[in-house]
Amino acid sequence: MPTKTVSVGSAVGLHARPAALIAEKAGSLGSTVTIGVPGGQPVDSSSALLIMTLGAKKGDSVEVSGDDEGAVDAIAAMVEEDLDA
């Protein structure tokens, strides 16, 4: 299973707007991608509410995993962006 570890780029962390944008993209990929903090339980990236429960702040490391490497890369790239700008 492809996995990437990336740093959260949004100033507000994985909160409302960034989580919603990531969830929207993840829902359109046709492949399940999860996001998790190291040592924690990963959550489905197509759910903004579940993403927000991670409590990931700017600069925190998160692991993005899934069966499709392209989908993992797409979500990982979004996590690294400042989506609240």
N, C-alpha and C. Protein backbone atom coordinates (compact mmCIF):
# COMPACT_ATOMS: atom_id res chain seq x y z
N MET A 1 0.85 -1.18 0.00
CA MET A 1 0.00 0.00 0.00
C MET A 1 0.90 1.24 0.00
N PRO A 2 0.77 2.09 -1.02
CA PRO A 2 1.57 3.31 -1.07
C PRO A 2 1.24 4.23 0.11
N THR A 3 2.28 4.76 0.74
CA THR A 3 2.12 5.68 1.86
C THR A 3 3.12 6.82 1.71
N LYS A 4 2.67 8.03 1.99
CA LYS A 4 3.56 9.21 1.99
C LYS A 4 3.40 9.92 3.32
N THR A 5 4.51 10.37 3.87
CA THR A 5 4.47 11.20 5.07
C THR A 5 4.75 12.64 4.63
N VAL A 6 3.83 13.53 4.97
CA VAL A 6 3.93 14.93 4.55
C VAL A 6 3.63 15.83 5.74
N SER A 7 4.00 17.11 5.61
CA SER A 7 3.71 18.10 6.64
C SER A 7 2.49 18.93 6.23
N VAL A 8 1.66 19.22 7.20
CA VAL A 8 0.47 20.04 6.96
C VAL A 8 0.91 21.46 6.61
N GLY A 9 0.41 21.96 5.47
CA GLY A 9 0.83 23.28 5.00
C GLY A 9 -0.13 24.41 5.33
N SER A 10 -1.38 24.11 5.62
CA SER A 10 -2.36 25.16 5.88
C SER A 10 -2.12 25.82 7.24
N ALA A 11 -2.23 27.14 7.25
CA ALA A 11 -1.99 27.90 8.48
C ALA A 11 -2.93 27.48 9.61
N VAL A 12 -4.14 27.05 9.27
CA VAL A 12 -5.11 26.65 10.28
C VAL A 12 -5.07 25.14 10.54
N GLY A 13 -4.13 24.46 9.93
CA GLY A 13 -4.05 23.00 10.06
C GLY A 13 -5.14 22.35 9.22
N LEU A 14 -5.46 21.10 9.55
CA LEU A 14 -6.51 20.39 8.80
C LEU A 14 -7.86 20.67 9.45
N HIS A 15 -8.26 21.95 9.35
CA HIS A 15 -9.52 22.39 9.92
C HIS A 15 -10.55 22.55 8.81
N ALA A 16 -11.61 23.28 9.03
CA ALA A 16 -12.80 23.30 8.18
C ALA A 16 -12.56 23.44 6.68
N ARG A 17 -12.01 24.56 6.24
CA ARG A 17 -11.85 24.76 4.79
C ARG A 17 -10.88 23.76 4.17
N PRO A 18 -9.66 23.61 4.70
CA PRO A 18 -8.75 22.63 4.11
C PRO A 18 -9.32 21.21 4.12
N ALA A 19 -9.97 20.83 5.21
CA ALA A 19 -10.54 19.48 5.32
C ALA A 19 -11.64 19.29 4.27
N ALA A 20 -12.46 20.31 4.06
CA ALA A 20 -13.54 20.21 3.07
C ALA A 20 -12.98 20.08 1.66
N LEU A 21 -11.95 20.84 1.34
CA LEU A 21 -11.34 20.76 0.00
C LEU A 21 -10.69 19.41 -0.24
N ILE A 22 -9.99 18.89 0.77
CA ILE A 22 -9.36 17.58 0.66
C ILE A 22 -10.42 16.49 0.50
N ALA A 23 -11.48 16.56 1.30
CA ALA A 23 -12.55 15.57 1.24
C ALA A 23 -13.24 15.58 -0.12
N GLU A 24 -13.47 16.77 -0.66
CA GLU A 24 -14.10 16.88 -1.98
C GLU A 24 -13.24 16.21 -3.05
N LYS A 25 -11.95 16.48 -3.03
CA LYS A 25 -11.03 15.87 -3.99
C LYS A 25 -10.97 14.35 -3.80
N ALA A 26 -10.85 13.92 -2.55
CA ALA A 26 -10.76 12.48 -2.26
C ALA A 26 -12.01 11.75 -2.74
N GLY A 27 -13.16 12.36 -2.58
CA GLY A 27 -14.41 11.75 -3.01
C GLY A 27 -14.51 11.58 -4.51
N SER A 28 -13.76 12.39 -5.25
CA SER A 28 -13.82 12.33 -6.71
C SER A 28 -12.79 11.37 -7.31
N LEU A 29 -11.92 10.80 -6.48
CA LEU A 29 -10.82 9.99 -7.01
C LEU A 29 -11.19 8.54 -7.33
N GLY A 30 -12.27 8.05 -6.76
CA GLY A 30 -12.66 6.67 -7.03
C GLY A 30 -11.78 5.64 -6.36
N SER A 31 -11.02 6.06 -5.36
CA SER A 31 -10.14 5.16 -4.62
C SER A 31 -10.08 5.65 -3.18
N THR A 32 -10.07 4.73 -2.23
CA THR A 32 -10.03 5.10 -0.82
C THR A 32 -8.61 5.53 -0.43
N VAL A 33 -8.52 6.71 0.16
CA VAL A 33 -7.27 7.24 0.67
C VAL A 33 -7.50 7.61 2.13
N THR A 34 -6.56 7.24 2.99
CA THR A 34 -6.68 7.57 4.41
C THR A 34 -5.61 8.57 4.81
N ILE A 35 -5.91 9.33 5.87
CA ILE A 35 -4.97 10.28 6.45
C ILE A 35 -4.90 9.97 7.94
N GLY A 36 -3.70 9.94 8.48
CA GLY A 36 -3.55 9.69 9.91
C GLY A 36 -2.33 10.35 10.48
N VAL A 37 -2.39 10.62 11.76
CA VAL A 37 -1.21 11.13 12.46
C VAL A 37 -0.41 9.91 12.93
N PRO A 38 0.91 10.01 12.95
CA PRO A 38 1.72 8.86 13.37
C PRO A 38 1.28 8.35 14.74
N GLY A 39 1.05 7.05 14.82
CA GLY A 39 0.62 6.44 16.07
C GLY A 39 -0.87 6.47 16.31
N GLY A 40 -1.60 7.14 15.42
CA GLY A 40 -3.05 7.25 15.57
C GLY A 40 -3.79 6.39 14.56
N GLN A 41 -5.10 6.38 14.67
CA GLN A 41 -5.95 5.63 13.75
C GLN A 41 -6.19 6.48 12.50
N PRO A 42 -5.86 5.97 11.31
CA PRO A 42 -6.12 6.74 10.09
C PRO A 42 -7.63 6.88 9.82
N VAL A 43 -7.99 7.96 9.14
CA VAL A 43 -9.39 8.22 8.82
C VAL A 43 -9.56 8.34 7.31
N ASP A 44 -10.78 8.14 6.85
CA ASP A 44 -11.11 8.26 5.43
C ASP A 44 -10.99 9.72 5.01
N SER A 45 -10.18 9.98 3.99
CA SER A 45 -9.95 11.37 3.57
C SER A 45 -11.13 11.97 2.81
N SER A 46 -12.17 11.17 2.52
CA SER A 46 -13.33 11.74 1.85
C SER A 46 -14.35 12.31 2.84
N SER A 47 -14.00 12.32 4.12
CA SER A 47 -14.87 12.88 5.16
C SER A 47 -14.19 14.05 5.84
N ALA A 48 -14.70 15.26 5.60
CA ALA A 48 -14.11 16.45 6.22
C ALA A 48 -14.18 16.37 7.74
N LEU A 49 -15.28 15.86 8.26
CA LEU A 49 -15.43 15.76 9.72
C LEU A 49 -14.37 14.84 10.31
N LEU A 50 -14.14 13.70 9.68
CA LEU A 50 -13.11 12.78 10.19
C LEU A 50 -11.72 13.39 10.09
N ILE A 51 -11.44 14.11 9.02
CA ILE A 51 -10.13 14.77 8.88
C ILE A 51 -9.93 15.76 10.02
N MET A 52 -10.97 16.52 10.36
CA MET A 52 -10.84 17.51 11.44
C MET A 52 -10.60 16.85 12.79
N THR A 53 -11.08 15.61 12.99
CA THR A 53 -10.88 14.94 14.27
C THR A 53 -9.42 14.60 14.52
N LEU A 54 -8.59 14.63 13.48
CA LEU A 54 -7.16 14.34 13.66
C LEU A 54 -6.46 15.42 14.48
N GLY A 55 -6.97 16.64 14.42
CA GLY A 55 -6.36 17.74 15.17
C GLY A 55 -4.99 18.14 14.65
N ALA A 56 -4.71 17.85 13.39
CA ALA A 56 -3.39 18.15 12.81
C ALA A 56 -3.25 19.65 12.58
N LYS A 57 -2.15 20.19 13.08
CA LYS A 57 -1.87 21.62 12.95
C LYS A 57 -0.78 21.85 11.91
N LYS A 58 -0.60 23.11 11.53
CA LYS A 58 0.43 23.47 10.55
C LYS A 58 1.77 22.89 10.99
N GLY A 59 2.44 22.22 10.06
CA GLY A 59 3.76 21.66 10.33
C GLY A 59 3.74 20.25 10.90
N ASP A 60 2.57 19.77 11.35
CA ASP A 60 2.47 18.39 11.86
C ASP A 60 2.67 17.40 10.72
N SER A 61 3.26 16.27 11.02
CA SER A 61 3.41 15.19 10.04
C SER A 61 2.16 14.33 10.03
N VAL A 62 1.71 13.99 8.83
CA VAL A 62 0.59 13.06 8.66
C VAL A 62 0.96 12.04 7.60
N GLU A 63 0.37 10.86 7.71
CA GLU A 63 0.61 9.80 6.74
C GLU A 63 -0.62 9.66 5.85
N VAL A 64 -0.38 9.70 4.55
CA VAL A 64 -1.44 9.54 3.56
C VAL A 64 -1.23 8.18 2.91
N SER A 65 -2.26 7.32 2.92
CA SER A 65 -2.14 5.96 2.39
C SER A 65 -3.34 5.60 1.54
N GLY A 66 -3.13 4.65 0.64
CA GLY A 66 -4.23 4.14 -0.18
C GLY A 66 -3.73 3.08 -1.13
N ASP A 67 -4.63 2.53 -1.91
CA ASP A 67 -4.27 1.49 -2.87
C ASP A 67 -3.73 2.05 -4.18
N ASP A 68 -4.12 3.27 -4.51
CA ASP A 68 -3.73 3.89 -5.78
C ASP A 68 -2.68 4.97 -5.52
N GLU A 69 -1.49 4.79 -6.07
CA GLU A 69 -0.40 5.73 -5.81
C GLU A 69 -0.72 7.14 -6.30
N GLY A 70 -1.40 7.25 -7.44
CA GLY A 70 -1.78 8.56 -7.96
C GLY A 70 -2.73 9.29 -7.02
N ALA A 71 -3.67 8.56 -6.44
CA ALA A 71 -4.62 9.16 -5.50
C ALA A 71 -3.90 9.60 -4.23
N VAL A 72 -2.98 8.77 -3.74
CA VAL A 72 -2.19 9.11 -2.56
C VAL A 72 -1.39 10.38 -2.82
N ASP A 73 -0.75 10.45 -3.99
CA ASP A 73 0.05 11.63 -4.35
C ASP A 73 -0.81 12.88 -4.41
N ALA A 74 -2.03 12.76 -4.97
CA ALA A 74 -2.91 13.92 -5.11
C ALA A 74 -3.33 14.45 -3.74
N ILE A 75 -3.72 13.56 -2.83
CA ILE A 75 -4.15 14.00 -1.50
C ILE A 75 -2.95 14.51 -0.69
N ALA A 76 -1.81 13.85 -0.79
CA ALA A 76 -0.61 14.30 -0.08
C ALA A 76 -0.22 15.71 -0.52
N ALA A 77 -0.32 15.98 -1.81
CA ALA A 77 0.02 17.32 -2.33
C ALA A 77 -0.93 18.37 -1.76
N MET A 78 -2.21 18.02 -1.61
CA MET A 78 -3.16 18.97 -1.06
C MET A 78 -2.88 19.23 0.41
N VAL A 79 -2.52 18.20 1.16
CA VAL A 79 -2.20 18.37 2.59
C VAL A 79 -1.03 19.33 2.77
N GLU A 80 -0.06 19.27 1.85
CA GLU A 80 1.13 20.13 1.94
C GLU A 80 0.85 21.58 1.56
N GLU A 81 -0.22 21.84 0.82
CA GLU A 81 -0.55 23.20 0.38
C GLU A 81 -1.20 24.00 1.51
N ASP A 82 -1.11 25.34 1.38
CA ASP A 82 -1.87 26.21 2.29
C ASP A 82 -3.24 26.43 1.66
N LEU A 83 -4.18 25.57 1.99
CA LEU A 83 -5.51 25.60 1.38
C LEU A 83 -6.42 26.66 1.99
N ASP A 84 -5.95 27.36 2.98
CA ASP A 84 -6.76 28.39 3.62
C ASP A 84 -6.35 29.78 3.17
N ALA A 85 -5.46 29.84 2.20
CA ALA A 85 -4.95 31.14 1.73
C ALA A 85 -5.96 31.83 0.83
